[in-house]
Each structure stands twice: as structure tokens, then as C-alpha cells.
């Protein structure tokens, strides 16, 4: 049996590992480490590209929300996946469907199969992904989605095998962060 405090931690950070990574990356961010992300973008942002590990949960949902709610070109891919996979049902996808969103048509895209354009802004879910992307695409505009949340979270844990409680929190965090990100872009483009 888990305590109320443990359940709150699981619902907020996804897992014990997610909590530890959150603390580590949040502290690193507070002391000035930016993980290769850029707050000031070079050139005009013409398309938002969401990036995560498998392109099944976080980046796929972020792409869907952006495409549904905003008039902005958008795409997504995974750093450690193959193209063409269908997302198998998990707690996160169940919650996504319960919230009225449909990811059944989404197919994974690997970085190797992704066509990069000059005006792309790559938005990663984890600092490690940001650093990997900077090595693969040195001149890319890269940022972390969690830096646009109400409470800045450089690390957004993968909800693939997390609880439904965390999945709900992750969905809400992604939605609010995208809203804040798009507002910041419209200010920069004026």
C-alpha cells in the first residue's frame, strides 16, 4: 500500500525516477544550465516540432493539441523510434481519449525520416533530448516545453507507463505550456 504522499509524487512526477530527474534538472536549471536550449530564437519560427523519445505520447499529443487549437504549422518525431508505428493503448492514451482527443491516426516518425526546414523550432520534453538534438542538428533552434509551463519544469517525465493521475497532469501541463509558448511566439513575431 502506498501513502498519500507517495501517490501525490506519482501523480505529479510520474514515478520515483521522474521525481529524482525533476529535482536534478530543476536544480541545474536554477543555477543557469540551459541544456542547449535557446530562449532567444535565431530567425523566424515557421513551424513547431515536438520531440520526445518514442513519438507515442508527449510529442504526439503536443502536435495534436497544437494542430487542433492553433493556426501554426506543426510536426513531431522521436529520437529513439522507427517510423510508422501505431501507439498501443496505455494509461496516457486512455486519458487522452477520455478528454476527447483522438491519436488513433498518429504514426510515429523517426528523426532519420523527418524533413527539417530552416524555420523549425524544436521543442523537447527532456534536457537530454535537447542535448542529443543539438549534436545532431547544431544550428537548430531548440527549447524545452517545460520552460513554458506555469511552474517551469525542464524535465517532463514520459507518461507511457505512468499512472492515470500523472497522465492527466501531463496532459494539462502540455496544453498550458503550448498556450504560453504560442503567446511568446506571437509577441516575438510582432
N, C-alpha and C. Protein backbone atom coordinates (compact mmCIF):
# COMPACT_ATOMS: atom_id res chain seq x y z
N UNK A 1 0.84 -1.18 0.00
CA UNK A 1 0.00 0.00 0.00
C UNK A 1 0.89 1.24 0.00
N UNK A 2 0.54 2.19 -0.84
CA UNK A 2 1.35 3.41 -0.89
C UNK A 2 0.67 4.53 -0.12
N UNK A 3 1.48 5.39 0.42
CA UNK A 3 0.97 6.50 1.22
C UNK A 3 0.38 7.59 0.32
N UNK A 4 -0.32 8.50 0.94
CA UNK A 4 -0.90 9.65 0.22
C UNK A 4 0.22 10.48 -0.40
N UNK A 5 1.31 10.64 0.34
CA UNK A 5 2.45 11.41 -0.16
C UNK A 5 3.08 10.73 -1.38
N UNK A 6 3.23 9.41 -1.33
CA UNK A 6 3.78 8.68 -2.47
C UNK A 6 2.86 8.80 -3.69
N UNK A 7 1.56 8.70 -3.46
CA UNK A 7 0.60 8.82 -4.56
C UNK A 7 0.65 10.21 -5.18
N UNK A 8 0.78 11.24 -4.36
CA UNK A 8 0.90 12.61 -4.87
C UNK A 8 2.17 12.76 -5.71
N UNK A 9 3.28 12.15 -5.25
CA UNK A 9 4.53 12.20 -6.01
C UNK A 9 4.36 11.50 -7.36
N UNK A 10 3.71 10.33 -7.37
CA UNK A 10 3.50 9.58 -8.62
C UNK A 10 2.59 10.36 -9.57
N UNK A 11 1.56 11.00 -9.04
CA UNK A 11 0.65 11.77 -9.88
C UNK A 11 1.27 13.06 -10.40
N UNK A 12 2.24 13.61 -9.67
CA UNK A 12 2.88 14.86 -10.07
C UNK A 12 4.09 14.63 -10.98
N UNK A 13 4.88 13.59 -10.70
CA UNK A 13 6.15 13.39 -11.42
C UNK A 13 6.23 12.07 -12.20
N UNK A 14 5.22 11.23 -12.12
CA UNK A 14 5.17 10.01 -12.92
C UNK A 14 5.74 8.78 -12.25
N UNK A 15 6.83 8.93 -11.54
CA UNK A 15 7.49 7.81 -10.88
C UNK A 15 8.55 8.36 -9.92
N UNK A 16 9.15 7.47 -9.14
CA UNK A 16 10.26 7.91 -8.27
C UNK A 16 11.41 8.43 -9.12
N UNK A 17 11.69 7.72 -10.21
CA UNK A 17 12.75 8.15 -11.14
C UNK A 17 12.41 9.52 -11.74
N UNK A 18 11.14 9.72 -12.09
CA UNK A 18 10.69 11.01 -12.62
C UNK A 18 10.87 12.13 -11.61
N UNK A 19 10.60 11.83 -10.33
CA UNK A 19 10.79 12.82 -9.27
C UNK A 19 12.26 13.18 -9.12
N UNK A 20 13.13 12.18 -9.11
CA UNK A 20 14.57 12.42 -8.96
C UNK A 20 15.10 13.23 -10.14
N UNK A 21 14.71 12.87 -11.36
CA UNK A 21 15.15 13.62 -12.54
C UNK A 21 14.61 15.05 -12.51
N UNK A 22 13.37 15.21 -12.06
CA UNK A 22 12.80 16.55 -11.94
C UNK A 22 13.65 17.41 -11.01
N UNK A 23 13.98 16.88 -9.84
CA UNK A 23 14.79 17.62 -8.86
C UNK A 23 16.16 17.96 -9.46
N UNK A 24 16.79 16.98 -10.08
CA UNK A 24 18.13 17.17 -10.65
C UNK A 24 18.12 18.27 -11.73
N UNK A 25 17.23 18.13 -12.70
CA UNK A 25 17.20 19.09 -13.81
C UNK A 25 16.67 20.45 -13.38
N UNK A 26 15.75 20.47 -12.44
CA UNK A 26 15.25 21.76 -11.95
C UNK A 26 16.35 22.53 -11.24
N UNK A 27 17.12 21.84 -10.42
CA UNK A 27 18.24 22.49 -9.74
C UNK A 27 19.28 22.99 -10.75
N UNK A 28 19.60 22.15 -11.72
CA UNK A 28 20.57 22.56 -12.76
C UNK A 28 20.07 23.79 -13.51
N UNK A 29 18.79 23.83 -13.81
CA UNK A 29 18.20 24.99 -14.49
C UNK A 29 18.29 26.23 -13.61
N UNK A 30 17.99 26.07 -12.33
CA UNK A 30 18.02 27.22 -11.40
C UNK A 30 19.42 27.83 -11.28
N UNK A 31 20.46 27.01 -11.44
CA UNK A 31 21.82 27.56 -11.35
C UNK A 31 22.36 28.00 -12.71
N UNK A 32 21.49 27.96 -13.75
CA UNK A 32 21.86 28.55 -15.02
C UNK A 32 22.15 27.61 -16.16
N UNK A 33 22.06 26.32 -15.95
CA UNK A 33 22.32 25.38 -17.05
C UNK A 33 21.10 25.33 -17.95
N UNK A 34 21.29 25.56 -19.26
CA UNK A 34 20.15 25.64 -20.18
C UNK A 34 19.98 24.41 -21.06
N UNK A 35 20.86 23.41 -20.95
CA UNK A 35 20.73 22.15 -21.66
C UNK A 35 20.71 22.33 -23.17
N UNK A 36 21.42 23.31 -23.67
CA UNK A 36 21.48 23.54 -25.11
C UNK A 36 20.27 24.24 -25.67
N UNK A 37 19.29 24.55 -24.81
CA UNK A 37 18.09 25.21 -25.33
C UNK A 37 18.34 26.70 -25.47
N UNK A 38 17.59 27.29 -26.38
CA UNK A 38 17.71 28.72 -26.62
C UNK A 38 16.40 29.39 -26.26
N UNK A 39 16.49 30.42 -25.48
CA UNK A 39 15.29 31.18 -25.16
C UNK A 39 15.05 32.22 -26.26
N UNK A 40 16.11 32.78 -26.81
CA UNK A 40 16.00 33.71 -27.93
C UNK A 40 16.29 32.93 -29.21
N UNK A 41 15.31 32.87 -30.09
CA UNK A 41 15.43 32.06 -31.29
C UNK A 41 16.12 32.84 -32.40
N UNK A 42 16.90 32.13 -33.19
CA UNK A 42 17.61 32.72 -34.30
C UNK A 42 16.70 32.63 -35.53
N UNK A 43 16.36 33.76 -36.12
CA UNK A 43 15.48 33.77 -37.28
C UNK A 43 14.03 33.64 -36.88
N UNK A 44 13.16 33.56 -37.89
CA UNK A 44 11.73 33.43 -37.66
C UNK A 44 11.35 31.98 -37.40
N UNK A 45 10.45 31.77 -36.49
CA UNK A 45 9.91 30.44 -36.25
C UNK A 45 8.74 30.24 -37.20
N UNK A 46 8.85 29.23 -38.07
CA UNK A 46 7.81 28.97 -39.05
C UNK A 46 7.04 27.69 -38.77
N UNK A 47 7.64 26.79 -37.96
CA UNK A 47 6.95 25.54 -37.63
C UNK A 47 7.42 25.07 -36.26
N UNK A 48 6.48 24.57 -35.46
CA UNK A 48 6.82 23.97 -34.18
C UNK A 48 7.00 22.47 -34.39
N UNK A 49 8.09 21.93 -33.86
CA UNK A 49 8.38 20.50 -33.99
C UNK A 49 8.59 19.93 -32.60
N UNK A 50 7.68 19.08 -32.17
CA UNK A 50 7.77 18.49 -30.84
C UNK A 50 8.58 17.20 -30.90
N UNK A 51 9.47 17.05 -29.92
CA UNK A 51 10.42 15.94 -29.93
C UNK A 51 10.38 15.22 -28.59
N UNK A 52 10.32 13.89 -28.64
CA UNK A 52 10.49 13.08 -27.44
C UNK A 52 11.17 11.78 -27.84
N UNK A 53 11.14 10.81 -26.97
CA UNK A 53 11.85 9.56 -27.22
C UNK A 53 11.18 8.72 -28.30
N UNK A 54 9.90 8.37 -28.09
CA UNK A 54 9.25 7.41 -28.98
C UNK A 54 8.21 7.97 -29.92
N UNK A 55 7.84 9.25 -29.76
CA UNK A 55 6.82 9.90 -30.58
C UNK A 55 5.48 9.17 -30.46
N UNK A 56 5.20 8.70 -29.23
CA UNK A 56 3.96 7.98 -28.97
C UNK A 56 3.04 8.79 -28.06
N UNK A 57 3.58 9.40 -27.02
CA UNK A 57 2.75 10.08 -26.02
C UNK A 57 2.92 11.60 -26.07
N UNK A 58 4.01 12.11 -25.48
CA UNK A 58 4.16 13.55 -25.27
C UNK A 58 4.21 14.33 -26.57
N UNK A 59 5.13 13.99 -27.46
CA UNK A 59 5.26 14.79 -28.69
C UNK A 59 4.05 14.61 -29.61
N UNK A 60 3.49 13.40 -29.64
CA UNK A 60 2.30 13.15 -30.46
C UNK A 60 1.12 13.97 -29.95
N UNK A 61 0.92 13.98 -28.63
CA UNK A 61 -0.17 14.77 -28.06
C UNK A 61 0.06 16.26 -28.26
N UNK A 62 1.29 16.72 -28.06
CA UNK A 62 1.60 18.14 -28.25
C UNK A 62 1.32 18.56 -29.70
N UNK A 63 1.68 17.71 -30.64
CA UNK A 63 1.39 18.00 -32.05
C UNK A 63 -0.12 18.09 -32.28
N UNK A 64 -0.87 17.12 -31.73
CA UNK A 64 -2.31 17.11 -31.90
C UNK A 64 -2.96 18.36 -31.31
N UNK A 65 -2.57 18.73 -30.10
CA UNK A 65 -3.14 19.92 -29.44
C UNK A 65 -2.84 21.17 -30.26
N UNK A 66 -1.61 21.31 -30.71
CA UNK A 66 -1.22 22.49 -31.48
C UNK A 66 -1.99 22.55 -32.79
N UNK A 67 -2.10 21.42 -33.45
CA UNK A 67 -2.83 21.37 -34.73
C UNK A 67 -4.31 21.69 -34.52
N UNK A 68 -4.87 21.23 -33.40
CA UNK A 68 -6.30 21.41 -33.12
C UNK A 68 -6.63 22.84 -32.69
N UNK A 69 -5.78 23.45 -31.86
CA UNK A 69 -6.13 24.73 -31.24
C UNK A 69 -5.49 25.96 -31.85
N UNK A 70 -4.41 25.78 -32.61
CA UNK A 70 -3.67 26.96 -33.08
C UNK A 70 -3.45 26.88 -34.58
N UNK A 71 -3.36 28.03 -35.20
CA UNK A 71 -3.12 28.12 -36.63
C UNK A 71 -1.61 28.24 -36.87
N UNK A 72 -0.90 27.16 -36.52
CA UNK A 72 0.56 27.15 -36.62
C UNK A 72 0.97 25.84 -37.27
N UNK A 73 1.87 25.87 -38.25
CA UNK A 73 2.39 24.61 -38.79
C UNK A 73 3.10 23.82 -37.67
N UNK A 74 2.86 22.52 -37.63
CA UNK A 74 3.37 21.69 -36.55
C UNK A 74 3.72 20.29 -37.04
N UNK A 75 4.67 19.66 -36.35
CA UNK A 75 5.07 18.29 -36.64
C UNK A 75 5.67 17.69 -35.36
N UNK A 76 6.01 16.41 -35.42
CA UNK A 76 6.67 15.78 -34.28
C UNK A 76 7.48 14.58 -34.75
N UNK A 77 8.45 14.19 -33.93
CA UNK A 77 9.21 12.97 -34.20
C UNK A 77 9.84 12.46 -32.92
N UNK A 78 10.36 11.24 -32.99
CA UNK A 78 11.02 10.62 -31.85
C UNK A 78 12.49 10.40 -32.13
N UNK A 79 13.30 10.54 -31.10
CA UNK A 79 14.75 10.34 -31.24
C UNK A 79 15.14 8.86 -31.20
N UNK A 80 14.29 8.03 -30.59
CA UNK A 80 14.62 6.61 -30.43
C UNK A 80 13.45 5.74 -30.87
N UNK A 81 13.01 5.91 -32.09
CA UNK A 81 11.88 5.14 -32.61
C UNK A 81 12.10 4.86 -34.08
N UNK A 82 11.25 4.02 -34.62
CA UNK A 82 11.18 3.80 -36.06
C UNK A 82 9.88 4.42 -36.55
N UNK A 83 9.83 4.74 -37.81
CA UNK A 83 8.64 5.38 -38.37
C UNK A 83 7.53 4.36 -38.63
N UNK A 84 6.29 4.85 -38.50
CA UNK A 84 5.14 4.07 -38.90
C UNK A 84 4.45 3.27 -37.82
N UNK A 85 4.95 3.31 -36.60
CA UNK A 85 4.29 2.55 -35.52
C UNK A 85 3.00 3.23 -35.07
N UNK A 86 2.05 2.40 -34.68
CA UNK A 86 0.80 2.87 -34.09
C UNK A 86 0.99 2.82 -32.58
N UNK A 87 0.48 3.82 -31.90
CA UNK A 87 0.58 3.84 -30.44
C UNK A 87 -0.30 2.75 -29.85
N UNK A 88 0.31 1.88 -29.04
CA UNK A 88 -0.51 0.88 -28.35
C UNK A 88 -1.15 1.54 -27.15
N UNK A 89 -2.31 1.04 -26.76
CA UNK A 89 -3.07 1.65 -25.68
C UNK A 89 -2.30 1.56 -24.37
N UNK A 90 -2.23 2.69 -23.66
CA UNK A 90 -1.61 2.77 -22.35
C UNK A 90 -2.42 3.79 -21.54
N UNK A 91 -2.06 3.97 -20.27
CA UNK A 91 -2.82 4.91 -19.42
C UNK A 91 -2.91 6.30 -20.02
N UNK A 92 -1.80 6.78 -20.58
CA UNK A 92 -1.79 8.13 -21.15
C UNK A 92 -2.79 8.24 -22.30
N UNK A 93 -2.75 7.30 -23.22
CA UNK A 93 -3.65 7.35 -24.37
C UNK A 93 -5.10 7.18 -23.95
N UNK A 94 -5.36 6.36 -22.92
CA UNK A 94 -6.72 6.23 -22.40
C UNK A 94 -7.23 7.59 -21.92
N UNK A 95 -6.39 8.31 -21.18
CA UNK A 95 -6.78 9.62 -20.66
C UNK A 95 -6.98 10.61 -21.81
N UNK A 96 -6.10 10.56 -22.80
CA UNK A 96 -6.22 11.42 -23.98
C UNK A 96 -7.60 11.21 -24.63
N UNK A 97 -7.98 9.94 -24.82
CA UNK A 97 -9.28 9.63 -25.42
C UNK A 97 -10.43 10.09 -24.53
N UNK A 98 -10.29 9.88 -23.20
CA UNK A 98 -11.33 10.31 -22.26
C UNK A 98 -11.51 11.83 -22.29
N UNK A 99 -10.44 12.55 -22.62
CA UNK A 99 -10.51 14.02 -22.71
C UNK A 99 -11.03 14.49 -24.07
N UNK A 100 -11.37 13.56 -24.95
CA UNK A 100 -11.97 13.91 -26.23
C UNK A 100 -10.99 14.08 -27.38
N UNK A 101 -9.77 13.64 -27.20
CA UNK A 101 -8.78 13.73 -28.28
C UNK A 101 -8.53 12.35 -28.87
N UNK A 102 -8.20 12.31 -30.13
CA UNK A 102 -8.01 11.03 -30.82
C UNK A 102 -6.63 10.97 -31.46
N UNK A 103 -5.81 10.06 -30.95
CA UNK A 103 -4.48 9.84 -31.52
C UNK A 103 -4.41 8.56 -32.36
N UNK A 104 -5.56 7.99 -32.71
CA UNK A 104 -5.56 6.71 -33.42
C UNK A 104 -4.95 6.80 -34.82
N UNK A 105 -4.97 7.98 -35.42
CA UNK A 105 -4.38 8.13 -36.76
C UNK A 105 -2.89 8.47 -36.72
N UNK A 106 -2.37 8.76 -35.52
CA UNK A 106 -0.97 9.13 -35.40
C UNK A 106 -0.06 7.92 -35.67
N UNK A 107 0.99 8.17 -36.43
CA UNK A 107 2.03 7.16 -36.68
C UNK A 107 3.37 7.79 -36.29
N UNK A 108 4.21 7.00 -35.67
CA UNK A 108 5.49 7.52 -35.22
C UNK A 108 6.36 7.93 -36.41
N UNK A 109 7.22 8.90 -36.15
CA UNK A 109 8.21 9.36 -37.13
C UNK A 109 9.56 9.38 -36.44
N UNK A 110 10.56 8.80 -37.08
CA UNK A 110 11.92 8.83 -36.52
C UNK A 110 12.64 10.07 -37.01
N UNK A 111 13.67 10.47 -36.29
CA UNK A 111 14.45 11.64 -36.71
C UNK A 111 15.07 11.41 -38.08
N UNK A 112 15.44 10.17 -38.38
CA UNK A 112 16.06 9.86 -39.68
C UNK A 112 15.10 10.09 -40.84
N UNK A 113 13.81 9.94 -40.61
CA UNK A 113 12.81 10.11 -41.67
C UNK A 113 12.15 11.49 -41.66
N UNK A 114 12.58 12.35 -40.76
CA UNK A 114 11.95 13.65 -40.61
C UNK A 114 12.61 14.68 -41.51
N UNK A 115 11.80 15.45 -42.25
CA UNK A 115 12.33 16.51 -43.12
C UNK A 115 12.41 17.80 -42.32
N UNK A 116 13.61 18.32 -42.18
CA UNK A 116 13.88 19.53 -41.40
C UNK A 116 13.84 20.75 -42.30
N UNK A 117 13.20 21.82 -41.80
CA UNK A 117 13.14 23.09 -42.52
C UNK A 117 13.87 24.16 -41.72
N UNK A 118 14.28 25.20 -42.39
CA UNK A 118 15.07 26.26 -41.77
C UNK A 118 14.34 26.96 -40.62
N UNK A 119 13.05 27.16 -40.71
CA UNK A 119 12.30 27.88 -39.69
C UNK A 119 11.75 27.01 -38.57
N UNK A 120 12.27 25.79 -38.40
CA UNK A 120 11.77 24.89 -37.37
C UNK A 120 12.24 25.30 -35.99
N UNK A 121 11.34 25.23 -35.02
CA UNK A 121 11.67 25.36 -33.62
C UNK A 121 11.42 23.99 -33.00
N UNK A 122 12.48 23.34 -32.53
CA UNK A 122 12.39 22.01 -31.93
C UNK A 122 12.11 22.16 -30.44
N UNK A 123 11.05 21.51 -29.99
CA UNK A 123 10.60 21.63 -28.60
C UNK A 123 10.69 20.25 -27.96
N UNK A 124 11.69 20.07 -27.10
CA UNK A 124 11.94 18.78 -26.47
C UNK A 124 11.22 18.67 -25.13
N UNK A 125 11.04 17.44 -24.70
CA UNK A 125 10.36 17.16 -23.43
C UNK A 125 11.35 16.96 -22.28
N UNK A 126 12.60 16.66 -22.61
CA UNK A 126 13.62 16.39 -21.60
C UNK A 126 14.92 17.06 -21.99
N UNK A 127 15.71 17.52 -21.00
CA UNK A 127 17.01 18.14 -21.30
C UNK A 127 17.94 17.23 -22.09
N UNK A 128 17.96 15.95 -21.78
CA UNK A 128 18.82 15.01 -22.51
C UNK A 128 18.48 15.02 -23.99
N UNK A 129 17.20 15.07 -24.31
CA UNK A 129 16.77 15.11 -25.71
C UNK A 129 17.25 16.38 -26.39
N UNK A 130 17.20 17.48 -25.67
CA UNK A 130 17.67 18.76 -26.20
C UNK A 130 19.15 18.69 -26.56
N UNK A 131 19.94 18.08 -25.69
CA UNK A 131 21.38 17.96 -25.94
C UNK A 131 21.67 17.03 -27.11
N UNK A 132 20.95 15.93 -27.20
CA UNK A 132 21.12 15.00 -28.33
C UNK A 132 20.78 15.70 -29.63
N UNK A 133 19.69 16.43 -29.64
CA UNK A 133 19.26 17.14 -30.84
C UNK A 133 20.27 18.20 -31.27
N UNK A 134 20.85 18.91 -30.30
CA UNK A 134 21.86 19.93 -30.62
C UNK A 134 23.09 19.29 -31.28
N UNK A 135 23.43 18.06 -30.90
CA UNK A 135 24.56 17.37 -31.53
C UNK A 135 24.22 16.95 -32.94
N UNK A 136 22.98 16.50 -33.15
CA UNK A 136 22.57 16.04 -34.49
C UNK A 136 22.31 17.20 -35.45
N UNK A 137 21.79 18.31 -34.92
CA UNK A 137 21.45 19.48 -35.74
C UNK A 137 22.02 20.71 -35.03
N UNK A 138 23.32 20.97 -35.17
CA UNK A 138 23.99 22.02 -34.37
C UNK A 138 23.38 23.42 -34.44
N UNK A 139 22.84 23.83 -35.56
CA UNK A 139 22.31 25.20 -35.68
C UNK A 139 20.82 25.29 -35.40
N UNK A 140 20.24 24.21 -34.91
CA UNK A 140 18.79 24.18 -34.69
C UNK A 140 18.38 25.08 -33.54
N UNK A 141 17.21 25.68 -33.66
CA UNK A 141 16.57 26.37 -32.54
C UNK A 141 15.89 25.31 -31.69
N UNK A 142 16.37 25.14 -30.47
CA UNK A 142 15.86 24.09 -29.59
C UNK A 142 15.47 24.71 -28.26
N UNK A 143 14.33 24.26 -27.74
CA UNK A 143 13.89 24.69 -26.42
C UNK A 143 13.23 23.51 -25.73
N UNK A 144 12.88 23.71 -24.47
CA UNK A 144 12.20 22.69 -23.68
C UNK A 144 10.77 23.13 -23.42
N UNK A 145 9.82 22.26 -23.68
CA UNK A 145 8.41 22.62 -23.49
C UNK A 145 8.14 23.03 -22.05
N UNK A 146 8.75 22.34 -21.10
CA UNK A 146 8.51 22.62 -19.69
C UNK A 146 8.91 24.00 -19.23
N UNK A 147 9.73 24.70 -20.01
CA UNK A 147 10.13 26.06 -19.64
C UNK A 147 9.00 27.06 -19.87
N UNK A 148 7.92 26.61 -20.51
CA UNK A 148 6.79 27.48 -20.78
C UNK A 148 5.59 27.18 -19.89
N UNK A 149 5.73 26.23 -18.98
CA UNK A 149 4.65 25.91 -18.05
C UNK A 149 4.53 26.99 -16.98
N UNK A 150 3.43 26.96 -16.26
CA UNK A 150 3.24 27.92 -15.16
C UNK A 150 4.36 27.76 -14.14
N UNK A 151 4.69 26.53 -13.81
CA UNK A 151 5.87 26.23 -12.99
C UNK A 151 6.89 25.60 -13.93
N UNK A 152 8.00 26.26 -14.13
CA UNK A 152 8.99 25.77 -15.08
C UNK A 152 9.48 24.38 -14.67
N UNK A 153 9.45 23.46 -15.64
CA UNK A 153 9.88 22.09 -15.43
C UNK A 153 10.72 21.67 -16.63
N UNK A 154 12.03 21.79 -16.54
CA UNK A 154 12.86 21.39 -17.67
C UNK A 154 12.65 19.93 -18.08
N UNK A 155 12.32 19.09 -17.12
CA UNK A 155 12.14 17.66 -17.37
C UNK A 155 10.67 17.29 -17.24
N UNK A 156 10.09 16.76 -18.32
CA UNK A 156 8.71 16.28 -18.32
C UNK A 156 8.75 14.77 -18.53
N UNK A 157 8.50 14.04 -17.47
CA UNK A 157 8.62 12.58 -17.47
C UNK A 157 7.71 11.93 -18.50
N UNK A 158 8.18 10.85 -19.11
CA UNK A 158 7.42 10.10 -20.09
C UNK A 158 6.23 9.41 -19.41
N UNK A 159 5.01 9.70 -19.84
CA UNK A 159 3.83 9.11 -19.20
C UNK A 159 3.47 7.72 -19.70
N UNK A 160 4.27 7.15 -20.58
CA UNK A 160 3.92 5.88 -21.23
C UNK A 160 3.48 4.80 -20.25
N UNK A 161 4.21 4.60 -19.16
CA UNK A 161 3.84 3.56 -18.19
C UNK A 161 3.46 4.14 -16.84
N UNK A 162 3.14 5.42 -16.80
CA UNK A 162 2.78 6.09 -15.55
C UNK A 162 1.29 5.94 -15.25
N UNK A 163 0.91 6.41 -14.08
CA UNK A 163 -0.48 6.31 -13.62
C UNK A 163 -1.39 7.23 -14.42
N UNK A 164 -2.69 6.97 -14.30
CA UNK A 164 -3.66 7.86 -14.94
C UNK A 164 -3.60 9.26 -14.32
N UNK A 165 -3.35 9.32 -13.00
CA UNK A 165 -3.23 10.62 -12.34
C UNK A 165 -2.12 11.46 -12.94
N UNK A 166 -0.95 10.84 -13.20
CA UNK A 166 0.14 11.58 -13.83
C UNK A 166 -0.22 11.92 -15.27
N UNK A 167 -0.88 11.01 -15.96
CA UNK A 167 -1.26 11.27 -17.35
C UNK A 167 -2.14 12.51 -17.45
N UNK A 168 -3.08 12.66 -16.53
CA UNK A 168 -3.95 13.84 -16.51
C UNK A 168 -3.11 15.09 -16.28
N UNK A 169 -2.21 15.04 -15.29
CA UNK A 169 -1.34 16.19 -15.02
C UNK A 169 -0.44 16.51 -16.21
N UNK A 170 0.07 15.48 -16.86
CA UNK A 170 0.95 15.67 -18.02
C UNK A 170 0.19 16.34 -19.17
N UNK A 171 -1.02 15.88 -19.43
CA UNK A 171 -1.86 16.47 -20.49
C UNK A 171 -2.12 17.95 -20.19
N UNK A 172 -2.51 18.24 -18.97
CA UNK A 172 -2.78 19.64 -18.59
C UNK A 172 -1.53 20.50 -18.70
N UNK A 173 -0.39 19.95 -18.27
CA UNK A 173 0.87 20.70 -18.34
C UNK A 173 1.26 20.98 -19.80
N UNK A 174 1.13 19.97 -20.65
CA UNK A 174 1.46 20.14 -22.07
C UNK A 174 0.56 21.21 -22.69
N UNK A 175 -0.74 21.12 -22.44
CA UNK A 175 -1.68 22.11 -23.01
C UNK A 175 -1.34 23.53 -22.58
N UNK A 176 -1.11 23.74 -21.29
CA UNK A 176 -0.83 25.08 -20.78
C UNK A 176 0.52 25.59 -21.30
N UNK A 177 1.50 24.70 -21.37
CA UNK A 177 2.83 25.10 -21.87
C UNK A 177 2.77 25.51 -23.33
N UNK A 178 2.00 24.79 -24.12
CA UNK A 178 1.84 25.15 -25.54
C UNK A 178 1.14 26.50 -25.66
N UNK A 179 0.13 26.71 -24.85
CA UNK A 179 -0.57 28.00 -24.86
C UNK A 179 0.41 29.14 -24.57
N UNK A 180 1.24 28.97 -23.54
CA UNK A 180 2.22 30.00 -23.18
C UNK A 180 3.29 30.16 -24.25
N UNK A 181 3.73 29.05 -24.83
CA UNK A 181 4.73 29.11 -25.91
C UNK A 181 4.18 29.87 -27.11
N UNK A 182 2.96 29.57 -27.53
CA UNK A 182 2.41 30.25 -28.70
C UNK A 182 2.21 31.74 -28.44
N UNK A 183 1.87 32.10 -27.20
CA UNK A 183 1.76 33.52 -26.86
C UNK A 183 3.11 34.21 -26.97
N UNK A 184 4.17 33.55 -26.51
CA UNK A 184 5.50 34.14 -26.57
C UNK A 184 5.98 34.28 -28.01
N UNK A 185 5.59 33.36 -28.87
CA UNK A 185 5.97 33.45 -30.28
C UNK A 185 5.24 34.58 -30.97
N UNK A 186 3.95 34.78 -30.66
CA UNK A 186 3.21 35.85 -31.32
C UNK A 186 3.76 37.21 -30.91
N UNK A 187 4.26 37.33 -29.69
CA UNK A 187 4.87 38.57 -29.24
C UNK A 187 6.17 38.80 -29.99
N UNK A 188 6.97 37.74 -30.17
CA UNK A 188 8.26 37.87 -30.85
C UNK A 188 8.10 38.19 -32.33
N UNK A 189 7.03 37.69 -32.94
CA UNK A 189 6.84 37.91 -34.37
C UNK A 189 6.24 39.26 -34.71
N UNK A 190 5.77 40.02 -33.72
CA UNK A 190 5.14 41.32 -33.99
C UNK A 190 6.16 42.41 -34.13
